[in-house]
Amino acid sequence: MRYDHEWISDKHFRMPQAAQPAWEHLQTFVAVARTGSLTAAAEQLGISQPTAGRHMRALEEALGVALFVRHSRGLELTEAGAALATDGAEIESRMHAAFRRGAGQPADLSATVRISAAEPIGVHAIAPTLAKLRDELPEVTLELAIDNSPANLSRRDADLAIRMFRPSQLDLVATRVGEVELGLFASQDYLKRHGAPGGVDALIEGGGGHTFIGMDRDPAWHRFIAELGIAAERFAYRSDNILAQMQAVRDGIGIGVMHAPLAARSKDLRWVLPELPIPPLEIWLVMHRELRGHAAVSAVRERLLDALKRYVATPGPKAYC
């Protein structure tokens, strides 16, 4: 399910010119989305429950969509509501920061910011940005947690997390960066020695004598390749360490799946079987909502967001001909 900002504005929130929603209505909506209750949101905002209800009706009327499904258990976000909740939390965060700046409150950047990211993103994709960030914000101490399992932000395992899926917790502020393209890549040395696979069918049917690099015991990987119609036995070189897989591709051991932007950084790599329909990965930048006013976290988050947007926009290397 996709929630990118352009898709939201194009397909869900095409507003009539005469019915623009008010900021206070959006603020109430964000509170209701987080709490799941008009009463709880009203208490949080210091307004009455009927006022919160009027705000929700006015916002839905202005947008022309239902934001909640109302049932005996309370309020449940619709698809449009879930999409707006993400953007609304982001807008709220920026508004709070603007109010603080307008009030002349100093930004205290003397803090430690812990970032959680999976191996390829944490080790390669954001490394240049972290180096630049250290020069720009020397008072910020950075901690980088490399883990392919998602950090628990509600438990404060990290301040910022880069995730490859859309978070569902309402206490998180999540921004969808975009999608990173995936593909099969091999070194030119390997391709000189073995040639290219003879099409997707050859890979699915037997691999054509090639060495394919993949995960070892990761159940998600096995489900993924099964959906592509490829048997696990086709992968004769396996490791659950993604960095080890990437290095094996660079060293000419075989053909492996990589992020296209990362593969583009190695001049020796070529795209193999670009017609293979490998679904892209979503990238989300996430933080706990209680940190949205934290100066150091916000400063690091802005720079990471810019870096990740540039990363997903980077085209992959040339296809092997």
Protein backbone atom coordinates (compact mmCIF):
# COMPACT_ATOMS: atom_id res chain seq x y z
CA MET A 1 0.00 0.00 0.00
CA ARG A 2 1.47 3.35 -1.01
CA TYR A 3 1.35 6.58 0.95
CA ASP A 4 3.68 8.95 -0.88
CA HIS A 5 2.80 12.61 -0.68
CA GLU A 6 2.10 13.16 -4.39
CA TRP A 7 -0.28 10.19 -4.44
CA ILE A 8 -2.11 11.56 -1.42
CA SER A 9 -2.61 15.01 -2.91
CA ASP A 10 -3.51 13.69 -6.36
CA LYS A 11 -5.96 10.94 -5.47
CA HIS A 12 -7.34 11.57 -2.01
CA PHE A 13 -7.30 15.23 -1.11
CA ARG A 14 -8.39 17.21 -4.13
CA MET A 15 -10.08 20.05 -2.27
CA PRO A 16 -12.78 22.39 -3.58
CA GLN A 17 -11.48 25.92 -3.91
CA ALA A 18 -14.05 27.27 -1.42
CA ALA A 19 -13.45 24.67 1.31
CA GLN A 20 -9.85 24.78 2.51
CA PRO A 21 -9.39 23.01 5.88
CA ALA A 22 -8.34 25.06 8.91
CA TRP A 23 -5.08 24.38 10.75
CA GLU A 24 -6.96 23.77 14.03
CA HIS A 25 -9.02 21.06 12.30
CA LEU A 26 -5.88 19.27 11.12
CA GLN A 27 -4.34 19.61 14.58
CA THR A 28 -7.42 18.00 16.11
CA PHE A 29 -7.33 15.24 13.51
CA VAL A 30 -3.71 14.37 14.35
CA ALA A 31 -4.61 14.15 18.04
CA VAL A 32 -7.63 11.92 17.29
CA ALA A 33 -5.52 9.69 15.04
CA ARG A 34 -2.95 9.22 17.80
CA THR A 35 -5.41 8.60 20.62
CA GLY A 36 -8.15 6.80 18.68
CA SER A 37 -10.76 8.80 20.57
CA LEU A 38 -12.50 12.16 20.27
CA THR A 39 -12.67 12.41 24.05
CA ALA A 40 -8.99 11.70 24.61
CA ALA A 41 -7.97 14.07 21.81
CA ALA A 42 -10.19 16.83 23.24
CA GLU A 43 -8.62 16.43 26.69
CA GLN A 44 -5.14 16.55 25.14
CA LEU A 45 -5.93 19.76 23.25
CA GLY A 46 -7.98 21.45 26.00
CA ILE A 47 -11.18 21.64 23.96
CA SER A 48 -14.61 20.03 24.37
CA GLN A 49 -15.53 16.69 22.84
CA PRO A 50 -18.29 18.23 20.71
CA THR A 51 -15.77 20.78 19.38
CA ALA A 52 -13.40 17.96 18.41
CA GLY A 53 -16.29 16.25 16.64
CA ARG A 54 -17.15 19.43 14.72
CA HIS A 55 -13.50 19.78 13.67
CA MET A 56 -13.49 16.24 12.28
CA ARG A 57 -16.73 16.74 10.36
CA ALA A 58 -15.48 20.05 8.93
CA LEU A 59 -12.17 18.49 7.85
CA GLU A 60 -13.85 15.52 6.16
CA GLU A 61 -16.26 17.89 4.39
CA ALA A 62 -13.41 20.12 3.19
CA LEU A 63 -11.37 17.16 1.91
CA GLY A 64 -14.32 15.24 0.50
CA VAL A 65 -13.27 11.93 2.05
CA ALA A 66 -14.02 9.86 5.16
CA LEU A 67 -11.03 9.87 7.51
CA PHE A 68 -12.41 7.45 10.09
CA VAL A 69 -14.68 4.44 10.25
CA ARG A 70 -16.82 4.74 13.37
CA HIS A 71 -17.76 1.49 15.17
CA SER A 72 -18.44 0.20 18.68
CA ARG A 73 -14.73 -0.05 19.52
CA GLY A 74 -14.06 3.58 18.65
CA LEU A 75 -12.53 5.25 15.59
CA GLU A 76 -10.45 3.46 12.97
CA LEU A 77 -8.52 5.31 10.28
CA THR A 78 -9.53 4.79 6.69
CA GLU A 79 -6.87 4.50 3.98
CA ALA A 80 -7.15 8.23 3.33
CA GLY A 81 -7.05 8.93 7.07
CA ALA A 82 -3.90 6.87 7.57
CA ALA A 83 -2.21 8.76 4.75
CA LEU A 84 -3.22 12.16 6.14
CA ALA A 85 -2.12 11.14 9.66
CA THR A 86 1.45 10.74 8.41
CA ASP A 87 1.51 14.11 6.67
CA GLY A 88 -0.40 15.81 9.49
CA ALA A 89 2.13 14.71 12.10
CA GLU A 90 4.93 16.06 9.90
CA ILE A 91 3.15 19.41 9.47
CA GLU A 92 2.53 19.62 13.21
CA SER A 93 6.21 18.99 13.92
CA ARG A 94 7.27 21.79 11.58
CA MET A 95 4.71 24.17 13.08
CA HIS A 96 6.01 23.56 16.60
CA ALA A 97 9.56 24.24 15.39
CA ALA A 98 8.43 27.44 13.67
CA PHE A 99 6.67 28.66 16.82
CA ARG A 100 9.80 28.05 18.89
CA ARG A 101 11.95 29.96 16.42
CA GLY A 102 9.43 32.80 16.35
CA ALA A 103 9.54 32.99 20.14
CA GLY A 104 13.31 33.26 20.01
CA GLN A 105 13.91 30.01 21.87
CA PRO A 106 17.52 28.87 21.37
CA ALA A 107 18.15 25.53 19.69
CA ASP A 108 20.20 23.35 22.03
CA LEU A 109 22.17 20.99 19.81
CA SER A 110 24.37 19.57 22.59
CA ALA A 111 22.85 16.11 22.60
CA THR A 112 23.35 12.50 21.55
CA VAL A 113 21.22 11.29 18.63
CA ARG A 114 20.93 7.55 18.06
CA ILE A 115 20.12 6.37 14.52
CA SER A 116 18.91 2.87 13.68
CA ALA A 117 19.37 1.57 10.13
CA ALA A 118 19.75 -1.67 8.22
CA GLU A 119 23.18 -2.68 6.93
CA PRO A 120 23.24 -1.23 3.39
CA ILE A 121 21.63 2.07 4.42
CA GLY A 122 23.58 2.59 7.63
CA VAL A 123 27.00 1.55 6.36
CA HIS A 124 26.89 2.93 2.81
CA ALA A 125 23.90 5.10 1.89
CA ILE A 126 24.05 7.70 4.69
CA ALA A 127 27.78 7.57 5.48
CA PRO A 128 28.73 10.68 3.41
CA THR A 129 25.92 12.66 5.04
CA LEU A 130 27.03 11.65 8.54
CA ALA A 131 30.55 12.85 7.74
CA LYS A 132 29.21 16.21 6.58
CA LEU A 133 26.88 16.39 9.56
CA ARG A 134 29.81 16.04 11.97
CA ASP A 135 31.43 19.09 10.35
CA GLU A 136 28.22 21.15 10.44
CA LEU A 137 27.02 20.11 13.92
CA PRO A 138 30.10 19.21 15.97
CA GLU A 139 28.14 19.54 19.23
CA VAL A 140 25.87 16.62 18.25
CA THR A 141 27.11 13.15 19.24
CA LEU A 142 26.00 10.44 16.81
CA GLU A 143 25.29 6.81 17.65
CA LEU A 144 24.66 4.46 14.72
CA ALA A 145 22.91 1.17 15.44
CA ILE A 146 23.26 -1.22 12.49
CA ASP A 147 20.54 -3.84 12.69
CA ASN A 148 18.31 -5.39 10.07
CA SER A 149 15.60 -5.81 12.74
CA PRO A 150 13.55 -2.65 13.39
CA ALA A 151 14.39 -0.68 16.54
CA ASN A 152 11.60 -0.15 19.06
CA LEU A 153 11.18 3.63 19.06
CA SER A 154 8.42 3.49 21.66
CA ARG A 155 10.98 1.93 24.01
CA ARG A 156 13.52 4.52 22.85
CA ASP A 157 15.96 2.01 21.37
CA ALA A 158 16.77 4.82 18.92
CA ASP A 159 15.81 8.45 18.28
CA LEU A 160 15.59 8.10 14.50
CA ALA A 161 15.03 4.95 12.46
CA ILE A 162 15.33 4.31 8.75
CA ARG A 163 12.87 1.57 7.92
CA MET A 164 12.06 -0.37 4.78
CA PHE A 165 8.34 -0.58 5.58
CA ARG A 166 5.56 1.76 6.71
CA PRO A 167 5.26 1.92 10.52
CA SER A 168 1.79 1.41 11.97
CA GLN A 169 2.18 2.85 15.50
CA LEU A 170 0.33 6.14 15.96
CA ASP A 171 2.91 7.45 18.47
CA LEU A 172 5.48 7.66 15.67
CA VAL A 173 6.08 10.43 13.15
CA ALA A 174 6.85 8.67 9.87
CA THR A 175 7.89 10.30 6.60
CA ARG A 176 7.90 8.27 3.41
CA VAL A 177 11.11 9.03 1.54
CA GLY A 178 10.35 7.01 -1.58
CA GLU A 179 11.27 3.65 -3.08
CA VAL A 180 14.70 2.17 -3.66
CA GLU A 181 15.05 0.08 -6.80
CA LEU A 182 16.41 -3.46 -6.50
CA GLY A 183 18.11 -5.59 -9.15
CA LEU A 184 20.50 -8.43 -9.89
CA PHE A 185 24.09 -7.27 -10.32
CA ALA A 186 27.43 -8.84 -11.15
CA SER A 187 31.00 -7.66 -11.65
CA GLN A 188 32.38 -7.28 -15.16
CA ASP A 189 35.07 -9.82 -14.28
CA TYR A 190 32.44 -12.42 -13.38
CA LEU A 191 30.48 -11.71 -16.57
CA LYS A 192 33.64 -12.04 -18.68
CA ARG A 193 34.29 -15.45 -17.16
CA HIS A 194 30.72 -16.78 -17.20
CA GLY A 195 28.71 -14.63 -19.56
CA ALA A 196 25.19 -13.44 -18.74
CA PRO A 197 22.27 -15.70 -17.80
CA GLY A 198 20.15 -16.60 -20.79
CA GLY A 199 17.05 -14.72 -19.69
CA VAL A 200 14.70 -14.88 -16.74
CA ASP A 201 13.42 -18.33 -17.71
CA ALA A 202 16.94 -19.74 -17.54
CA LEU A 203 17.34 -18.39 -14.01
CA ILE A 204 14.01 -19.81 -12.87
CA GLU A 205 14.50 -23.18 -14.55
CA GLY A 206 18.06 -23.91 -13.55
CA GLY A 207 20.36 -20.92 -13.34
CA GLY A 208 22.38 -21.81 -16.44
CA GLY A 209 25.44 -22.79 -14.40
CA HIS A 210 25.70 -19.39 -12.71
CA THR A 211 26.39 -18.73 -9.04
CA PHE A 212 23.58 -16.73 -7.47
CA ILE A 213 24.11 -15.00 -4.13
CA GLY A 214 21.30 -14.74 -1.59
CA MET A 215 20.18 -15.04 2.00
CA ASP A 216 20.69 -18.19 4.04
CA ARG A 217 18.01 -18.78 6.70
CA ASP A 218 15.99 -15.59 6.53
CA PRO A 219 12.34 -16.71 6.07
CA ALA A 220 11.36 -13.39 4.47
CA TRP A 221 13.96 -13.94 1.76
CA HIS A 222 12.62 -17.43 1.00
CA ARG A 223 9.09 -16.05 0.68
CA PHE A 224 10.40 -13.26 -1.57
CA ILE A 225 12.17 -15.54 -4.07
CA ALA A 226 9.28 -18.00 -4.02
CA GLU A 227 7.01 -15.17 -5.22
CA LEU A 228 9.45 -14.63 -8.09
CA GLY A 229 9.21 -18.33 -8.94
CA ILE A 230 12.85 -19.08 -8.04
CA ALA A 231 13.83 -22.06 -5.89
CA ALA A 232 16.19 -21.45 -2.95
CA GLU A 233 18.50 -24.15 -4.34
CA ARG A 234 19.37 -21.82 -7.22
CA PHE A 235 21.41 -19.71 -4.76
CA ALA A 236 24.68 -21.55 -4.32
CA TYR A 237 26.34 -18.82 -2.22
CA ARG A 238 24.32 -17.78 0.85
CA SER A 239 24.78 -15.44 3.78
CA ASP A 240 22.34 -13.63 6.05
CA ASN A 241 24.83 -10.77 6.25
CA ILE A 242 23.85 -8.33 3.49
CA LEU A 243 27.25 -6.62 3.48
CA ALA A 244 28.93 -10.00 2.91
CA GLN A 245 26.62 -10.59 -0.05
CA MET A 246 27.45 -7.22 -1.56
CA GLN A 247 31.17 -7.83 -1.20
CA ALA A 248 30.79 -11.25 -2.80
CA VAL A 249 29.16 -9.58 -5.82
CA ARG A 250 32.01 -7.05 -6.05
CA ASP A 251 34.62 -9.82 -5.71
CA GLY A 252 33.19 -11.67 -8.70
CA ILE A 253 31.85 -14.67 -6.81
CA GLY A 254 28.45 -14.50 -8.43
CA ILE A 255 25.24 -12.58 -9.18
CA GLY A 256 23.33 -11.00 -6.29
CA VAL A 257 20.48 -8.67 -5.39
CA MET A 258 21.52 -5.13 -4.41
CA HIS A 259 20.06 -1.66 -4.07
CA ALA A 260 20.46 -0.09 -7.51
CA PRO A 261 21.85 3.20 -6.06
CA LEU A 262 24.53 1.25 -4.16
CA ALA A 263 25.43 -0.83 -7.18
CA ALA A 264 25.86 2.42 -9.14
CA ARG A 265 28.69 3.44 -6.78
CA SER A 266 30.82 0.52 -8.02
CA LYS A 267 32.02 1.24 -11.57
CA ASP A 268 32.73 -2.45 -12.11
CA LEU A 269 29.14 -3.67 -11.56
CA ARG A 270 26.56 -4.27 -14.26
CA TRP A 271 22.81 -4.84 -14.09
CA VAL A 272 21.91 -8.43 -14.98
CA LEU A 273 18.40 -9.40 -16.13
CA PRO A 274 16.87 -5.94 -15.56
CA GLU A 275 13.58 -7.36 -16.86
CA LEU A 276 13.26 -9.53 -13.73
CA PRO A 277 10.28 -8.00 -11.82
CA ILE A 278 11.81 -7.38 -8.39
CA PRO A 279 9.51 -5.13 -6.29
CA PRO A 280 11.20 -1.97 -4.93
CA LEU A 281 11.66 -1.31 -1.20
CA GLU A 282 9.95 1.58 0.52
CA ILE A 283 12.10 3.79 2.75
CA TRP A 284 10.62 5.61 5.75
CA LEU A 285 12.32 7.97 8.20
CA VAL A 286 10.73 7.57 11.61
CA MET A 287 10.92 9.15 15.05
CA HIS A 288 8.79 9.13 18.20
CA ARG A 289 6.30 12.00 18.26
CA GLU A 290 7.59 13.23 21.65
CA LEU A 291 10.93 14.06 19.99
CA ARG A 292 9.44 16.31 17.32
CA GLY A 293 10.49 19.43 19.25
CA HIS A 294 14.01 18.18 20.02
CA ALA A 295 16.47 20.52 18.27
CA ALA A 296 19.33 18.03 17.77
CA VAL A 297 17.05 15.21 16.59
CA SER A 298 15.27 17.59 14.19
CA ALA A 299 18.58 18.85 12.77
CA VAL A 300 19.86 15.32 12.15
CA ARG A 301 16.49 14.24 10.75
CA GLU A 302 16.41 17.05 8.16
CA ARG A 303 19.85 16.10 6.86
CA LEU A 304 19.04 12.39 6.76
CA LEU A 305 15.81 13.08 4.89
CA ASP A 306 17.65 15.07 2.20
CA ALA A 307 20.32 12.36 1.91
CA LEU A 308 17.80 9.55 1.57
CA LYS A 309 15.81 11.44 -1.07
CA ARG A 310 18.98 11.85 -3.12
CA TYR A 311 19.77 8.18 -2.58
CA VAL A 312 16.48 6.81 -3.91
CA ALA A 313 16.70 9.17 -6.90
CA THR A 314 20.12 7.78 -7.95
CA PRO A 315 19.81 5.59 -11.10
CA GLY A 316 21.38 2.15 -11.16
CA PRO A 317 24.36 1.10 -13.28
CA LYS A 318 24.20 0.12 -16.94
CA ALA A 319 22.68 -3.20 -17.94
CA TYR A 320 25.07 -5.90 -19.16
CA CYS A 321 24.86 -6.30 -22.93
